[in-house]
Protein backbone atom coordinates (compact mmCIF):
# COMPACT_ATOMS: atom_id res chain seq x y z
CA MET A 1 -242.82 -125.01 139.40
CA SER A 2 -241.41 -127.09 136.88
CA SER A 3 -240.25 -126.59 132.94
CA GLN A 4 -241.60 -129.10 131.15
CA PHE A 5 -241.82 -127.43 127.17
CA ASP A 6 -238.70 -129.20 125.06
CA HIS A 7 -235.87 -127.11 124.49
CA GLU A 8 -235.04 -128.36 121.56
CA ASP A 9 -238.08 -127.56 119.72
CA GLU A 10 -236.74 -123.72 118.42
CA SER A 11 -239.71 -122.73 116.52
CA SER A 12 -241.89 -122.98 120.17
CA TRP A 13 -239.95 -120.26 121.54
CA PHE A 14 -238.03 -118.27 118.90
CA PHE A 15 -240.14 -115.45 117.13
CA GLY A 16 -237.95 -113.76 114.89
CA ALA A 17 -237.97 -110.48 113.86
CA ILE A 18 -240.37 -109.03 116.13
CA ASN A 19 -239.87 -105.33 118.06
CA ARG A 20 -239.24 -105.08 121.88
CA GLN A 21 -242.47 -103.45 121.98
CA GLU A 22 -244.24 -106.41 120.62
CA ALA A 23 -242.43 -108.51 122.76
CA GLN A 24 -243.36 -106.72 125.74
CA GLU A 25 -247.03 -106.68 125.23
CA LEU A 26 -246.87 -110.71 124.70
CA LEU A 27 -245.43 -111.16 128.18
CA MET A 28 -247.17 -108.88 129.79
CA ALA A 29 -250.44 -110.59 128.71
CA GLU A 30 -249.19 -113.68 130.40
CA LYS A 31 -250.14 -114.57 134.11
CA GLU A 32 -247.32 -116.76 135.05
CA GLY A 33 -243.73 -115.37 135.79
CA GLY A 34 -240.80 -117.28 133.57
CA VAL A 35 -242.76 -117.07 130.27
CA PHE A 36 -240.13 -116.07 127.31
CA LEU A 37 -239.27 -115.75 124.08
CA VAL A 38 -236.51 -115.15 122.08
CA ARG A 39 -236.13 -112.61 119.44
CA ASP A 40 -233.96 -111.15 117.14
CA SER A 41 -232.38 -107.85 118.26
CA THR A 42 -233.07 -104.88 116.46
CA THR A 43 -230.28 -102.24 117.97
CA SER A 44 -227.58 -105.09 117.22
CA MET A 45 -227.74 -106.92 113.80
CA GLY A 46 -227.10 -110.96 113.93
CA ASP A 47 -227.52 -110.68 117.74
CA TYR A 48 -230.97 -111.98 119.77
CA VAL A 49 -232.60 -110.99 122.94
CA LEU A 50 -234.10 -113.54 125.65
CA CYS A 51 -237.19 -111.10 126.82
CA VAL A 52 -238.54 -113.01 129.99
CA LYS A 53 -241.83 -112.34 131.69
CA GLU A 54 -240.72 -111.45 135.44
CA ASP A 55 -242.83 -110.69 138.59
CA SER A 56 -244.66 -107.61 137.34
CA LYS A 57 -242.03 -106.36 134.29
CA VAL A 58 -240.50 -107.76 131.30
CA SER A 59 -236.50 -108.44 130.84
CA HIS A 60 -234.63 -107.93 127.86
CA TYR A 61 -231.39 -109.48 127.94
CA ILE A 62 -228.92 -109.28 124.93
CA ILE A 63 -226.76 -112.52 123.73
CA ASN A 64 -224.17 -112.17 121.41
CA LYS A 65 -223.79 -114.07 118.60
CA MET A 66 -219.79 -114.32 118.54
CA GLN A 67 -217.11 -116.11 115.89
CA THR A 68 -214.18 -117.06 116.06
CA ASN A 69 -212.57 -118.96 113.15
CA ASP A 70 -215.20 -121.70 112.53
CA GLN A 71 -216.96 -121.71 115.94
CA THR A 72 -220.08 -120.08 116.64
CA ASN A 73 -221.05 -119.64 120.70
CA TYR A 74 -223.49 -117.70 121.88
CA ARG A 75 -222.91 -115.05 125.28
CA ILE A 76 -225.18 -113.98 127.05
CA GLY A 77 -224.06 -112.22 130.63
CA ASP A 78 -220.83 -113.92 131.25
CA GLN A 79 -222.18 -117.05 129.84
CA PHE A 80 -221.12 -118.98 126.88
CA PHE A 81 -223.64 -121.49 125.13
CA LYS A 82 -222.80 -123.58 121.59
CA SER A 83 -226.42 -122.72 120.94
CA LEU A 84 -229.59 -120.85 121.45
CA SER A 85 -231.46 -124.23 122.66
CA GLU A 86 -228.52 -125.48 124.97
CA LEU A 87 -228.90 -121.57 126.31
CA VAL A 88 -232.52 -121.59 126.71
CA SER A 89 -231.72 -125.69 128.32
CA PHE A 90 -229.58 -123.57 130.66
CA TYR A 91 -231.94 -121.57 132.13
CA LYS A 92 -234.64 -124.14 132.51
CA LEU A 93 -232.83 -125.29 135.59
CA HIS A 94 -231.21 -121.56 136.70
CA TYR A 95 -232.52 -118.14 137.67
CA LEU A 96 -232.54 -115.40 135.56
CA ASP A 97 -233.10 -112.71 137.80
CA THR A 98 -236.13 -114.27 140.19
CA THR A 99 -237.11 -116.65 137.93
CA PRO A 100 -235.89 -119.90 135.32
CA LEU A 101 -237.97 -120.20 131.75
CA ILE A 102 -241.29 -122.25 132.87
CA ARG A 103 -243.07 -122.49 129.28
CA PRO A 104 -242.38 -120.17 125.90
CA ALA A 105 -244.92 -117.23 124.97
CA LYS A 106 -248.04 -117.62 123.38
CA LYS A 107 -248.17 -116.86 119.33
CA LYS A 108 -250.77 -114.50 118.64
CA LEU A 109 -251.61 -115.96 115.08
CA GLU A 110 -251.51 -112.72 112.40
CA LYS A 111 -253.69 -112.81 109.55
CA VAL A 112 -252.51 -110.27 105.97
CA VAL A 113 -254.15 -109.46 103.04
CA ALA A 114 -252.37 -109.64 99.70
CA LYS A 115 -252.07 -106.42 98.00
CA PHE A 116 -250.83 -107.74 94.71
CA ASP A 117 -250.20 -110.97 92.77
CA PHE A 118 -246.45 -112.55 93.76
CA GLU A 119 -245.68 -115.03 92.15
CA SER A 120 -242.94 -117.54 93.54
CA THR A 121 -239.85 -119.11 91.48
CA GLU A 122 -238.03 -120.22 94.92
CA LYS A 123 -239.15 -123.72 96.29
CA ASP A 124 -239.26 -122.08 100.01
CA ASP A 125 -242.02 -119.36 98.35
CA LEU A 126 -245.35 -119.49 98.72
CA THR A 127 -247.29 -118.15 95.67
CA PHE A 128 -250.93 -115.97 96.44
CA LYS A 129 -253.26 -113.68 94.62
CA ARG A 130 -254.12 -110.38 94.90
CA GLY A 131 -257.29 -110.47 97.84
CA ASP A 132 -255.99 -113.66 99.38
CA ILE A 133 -255.96 -114.22 103.16
CA LEU A 134 -252.89 -115.34 104.67
CA THR A 135 -251.50 -116.40 108.50
CA VAL A 136 -248.23 -115.73 109.24
CA LEU A 137 -246.50 -118.05 111.30
CA PHE A 138 -243.36 -116.71 111.65
CA LYS A 139 -241.73 -113.57 111.06
CA GLU A 140 -238.29 -114.86 109.86
CA GLU A 141 -236.51 -111.80 108.28
CA GLU A 142 -238.00 -107.79 108.79
CA GLN A 143 -239.07 -108.43 104.87
CA TRP A 144 -239.55 -111.73 104.33
CA TRP A 145 -242.63 -113.97 106.69
CA ARG A 146 -243.28 -117.62 106.70
CA ALA A 147 -247.01 -117.88 106.06
CA ARG A 148 -250.23 -120.98 105.50
CA ASP A 149 -252.78 -119.80 103.03
CA ARG A 150 -256.35 -121.31 103.21
CA ASN A 151 -255.33 -124.70 101.16
CA GLY A 152 -252.65 -125.26 104.41
CA ARG A 153 -249.59 -124.56 101.90
CA GLU A 154 -246.21 -122.52 103.77
CA GLY A 155 -243.96 -120.85 102.47
CA CYS A 156 -242.03 -117.18 102.54
CA ILE A 157 -243.96 -114.29 101.72
CA PRO A 158 -242.46 -110.54 101.09
CA VAL A 159 -244.06 -108.39 103.39
CA PRO A 160 -244.17 -105.22 101.16
CA TYR A 161 -246.69 -107.41 99.17
CA VAL A 162 -249.32 -107.83 101.92
CA GLN A 163 -251.38 -106.16 105.34
CA LYS A 164 -252.45 -106.11 108.15
CA VAL A 165 -256.09 -107.08 108.37
CA GLU A 166 -257.64 -105.37 111.38
CA GLU A 167 -258.90 -107.16 114.18
CA ASN A 168 -262.43 -105.13 113.33
CA SER A 169 -262.68 -106.05 109.66
CA SER A 170 -263.97 -108.55 108.16
CA PRO A 171 -261.09 -110.22 106.30
CA VAL A 172 -263.52 -111.19 103.03
CA ASP A 173 -265.24 -107.60 102.91
CA GLY A 174 -260.99 -105.93 103.06
CA ALA A 175 -260.04 -108.46 100.16
CA ARG A 176 -263.13 -108.13 97.87
CA PRO A 177 -262.23 -106.00 95.13
CA GLN A 178 -264.45 -102.90 93.98
CA GLU A 179 -266.81 -103.13 91.67
CA SER A 180 -264.50 -101.46 88.88
CA GLN A 181 -261.54 -103.65 89.84
CA VAL A 182 -263.74 -106.94 88.85
CA ASN A 183 -264.32 -106.44 85.39
CA SER A 184 -260.94 -104.12 84.95
CA THR A 185 -258.46 -105.59 82.39
CA PRO A 186 -254.74 -107.87 83.53
CA GLU A 187 -252.74 -104.23 82.77
CA SER A 188 -254.95 -102.07 85.18
CA LYS A 189 -253.91 -104.60 87.79
CA PRO A 190 -251.17 -103.07 89.94
CA LYS A 191 -247.79 -104.08 89.18
CA PRO A 192 -244.14 -103.14 89.44
CA LYS A 193 -242.66 -100.95 86.87
CA GLN A 194 -240.15 -102.15 84.73
CA ARG A 195 -236.96 -101.32 84.46
CA LYS A 196 -234.03 -100.76 81.93
CA LEU A 197 -231.30 -102.41 84.12
CA PRO A 198 -228.51 -101.04 84.92
CA ALA A 199 -230.62 -98.59 86.76
CA LYS A 200 -229.98 -95.55 90.06
CA ALA A 201 -231.78 -95.82 92.88
CA ARG A 202 -232.14 -93.76 96.02
CA VAL A 203 -231.89 -95.54 99.36
CA LYS A 204 -234.52 -95.00 101.44
CA GLN A 205 -233.43 -96.65 104.43
CA ALA A 206 -230.28 -97.39 106.32
CA ARG A 207 -229.04 -101.05 106.78
CA ILE A 208 -225.61 -102.10 108.57
CA PRO A 209 -224.73 -106.14 107.34
CA ASN A 210 -223.38 -108.70 109.74
CA ALA A 211 -219.52 -108.16 109.56
CA TYR A 212 -219.34 -111.50 108.19
CA ASP A 213 -221.45 -110.95 105.59
CA GLY A 214 -218.77 -109.38 102.77
CA SER A 215 -221.23 -109.85 100.18
CA ALA A 216 -223.58 -107.68 101.79
CA LEU A 217 -223.86 -103.46 101.40
CA LYS A 218 -224.13 -100.94 103.71
CA LEU A 219 -226.48 -98.62 103.04
CA ASP A 220 -226.99 -95.06 104.12
CA VAL A 221 -230.27 -93.11 103.71
CA GLY A 222 -229.86 -90.83 100.57
CA ASP A 223 -226.93 -92.90 98.77
CA ILE A 224 -227.06 -93.83 95.09
CA ILE A 225 -226.97 -96.85 94.44
CA THR A 226 -226.52 -98.00 90.50
CA VAL A 227 -228.84 -101.86 90.86
CA VAL A 228 -227.26 -103.95 88.26
CA LYS A 229 -229.71 -107.18 88.66
CA THR A 230 -233.37 -107.70 90.85
CA ASN A 231 -233.78 -111.22 91.91
CA ILE A 232 -236.80 -113.06 92.89
CA ASN A 233 -235.83 -113.45 96.59
CA GLY A 234 -236.24 -109.87 97.55
CA GLN A 235 -231.77 -109.63 97.44
CA TRP A 236 -230.96 -107.13 94.68
CA GLU A 237 -227.32 -106.54 93.45
CA GLY A 238 -225.92 -102.72 92.74
CA GLU A 239 -223.15 -101.17 93.15
CA LEU A 240 -221.95 -98.67 95.63
CA ASN A 241 -218.93 -96.38 96.40
CA GLY A 242 -216.82 -98.95 94.09
CA LYS A 243 -218.53 -101.90 95.76
CA THR A 244 -220.95 -104.47 94.19
CA GLY A 245 -222.82 -106.66 96.82
CA PHE A 246 -226.05 -107.42 97.44
CA PHE A 247 -229.09 -105.28 99.66
CA PRO A 248 -232.78 -105.84 100.15
CA PHE A 249 -235.22 -104.54 96.78
CA THR A 250 -237.13 -102.40 100.27
CA HIS A 251 -234.12 -100.41 101.44
CA VAL A 252 -234.10 -98.67 97.85
CA GLU A 253 -236.52 -97.16 95.54
CA PHE A 254 -236.19 -96.34 91.70
CA LEU A 255 -235.70 -92.71 90.65
CA ASP A 256 -238.10 -92.01 87.94
CA ASP A 257 -236.17 -91.14 85.13
CA ASP A 258 -235.31 -94.53 84.64
CA THR A 259 -238.66 -95.84 84.17
CA VAL A 260 -239.11 -98.24 81.31
CA SER A 261 -241.87 -96.28 78.95
């Protein structure tokens, strides 16, 4: 069985921020061995996982991203590579356990419906309106996915602003506002609360930043952080334990007494 896929085409085999269970289900649905994907590790931040259908099971091989001075290497077992595509190319010709890599898994198109309006100020982000149906192309990060709208425009979207369209429901019905919402004034539409900055917020999701990112804050659930700046890209700036740095806005919730009346 020969491997004909292009190992340089990272978009075909890199699935980004999907978890182990999602990878497992995708690959178990494949009939042949050697079908694979590479995903972000959910347990070791900054590392990756090579997931491969082998016989009647799926194997998950950890890929450690190693930084030494200006040199980046990717280690799997006792093998070292300069890039993920070089690693994938190597295993097109060499066996992992029972098979080499034959082809990437088929990506399952996922549709989401917008819960709120989102106005992009960044060139790479996608503007959309509440009720728009978007097709997810790639889960770049946990809270930012790449998507396409019905006009063919592509860009990154904030995950908290959308929800998945269930397979057994009509996207049109799911996106259609209720009668009371059709005649509502703009002031009654859902929109983020305005805040006076700096403002206190409570950490609701822990975060361990990449060891090489000195600008990111480490967050523990229950920490009280002082938000000093809210950026449209979702990376807010704050102060915690005497350190100023950046963190994802989805990991915190403002304390109620900081709301602007």
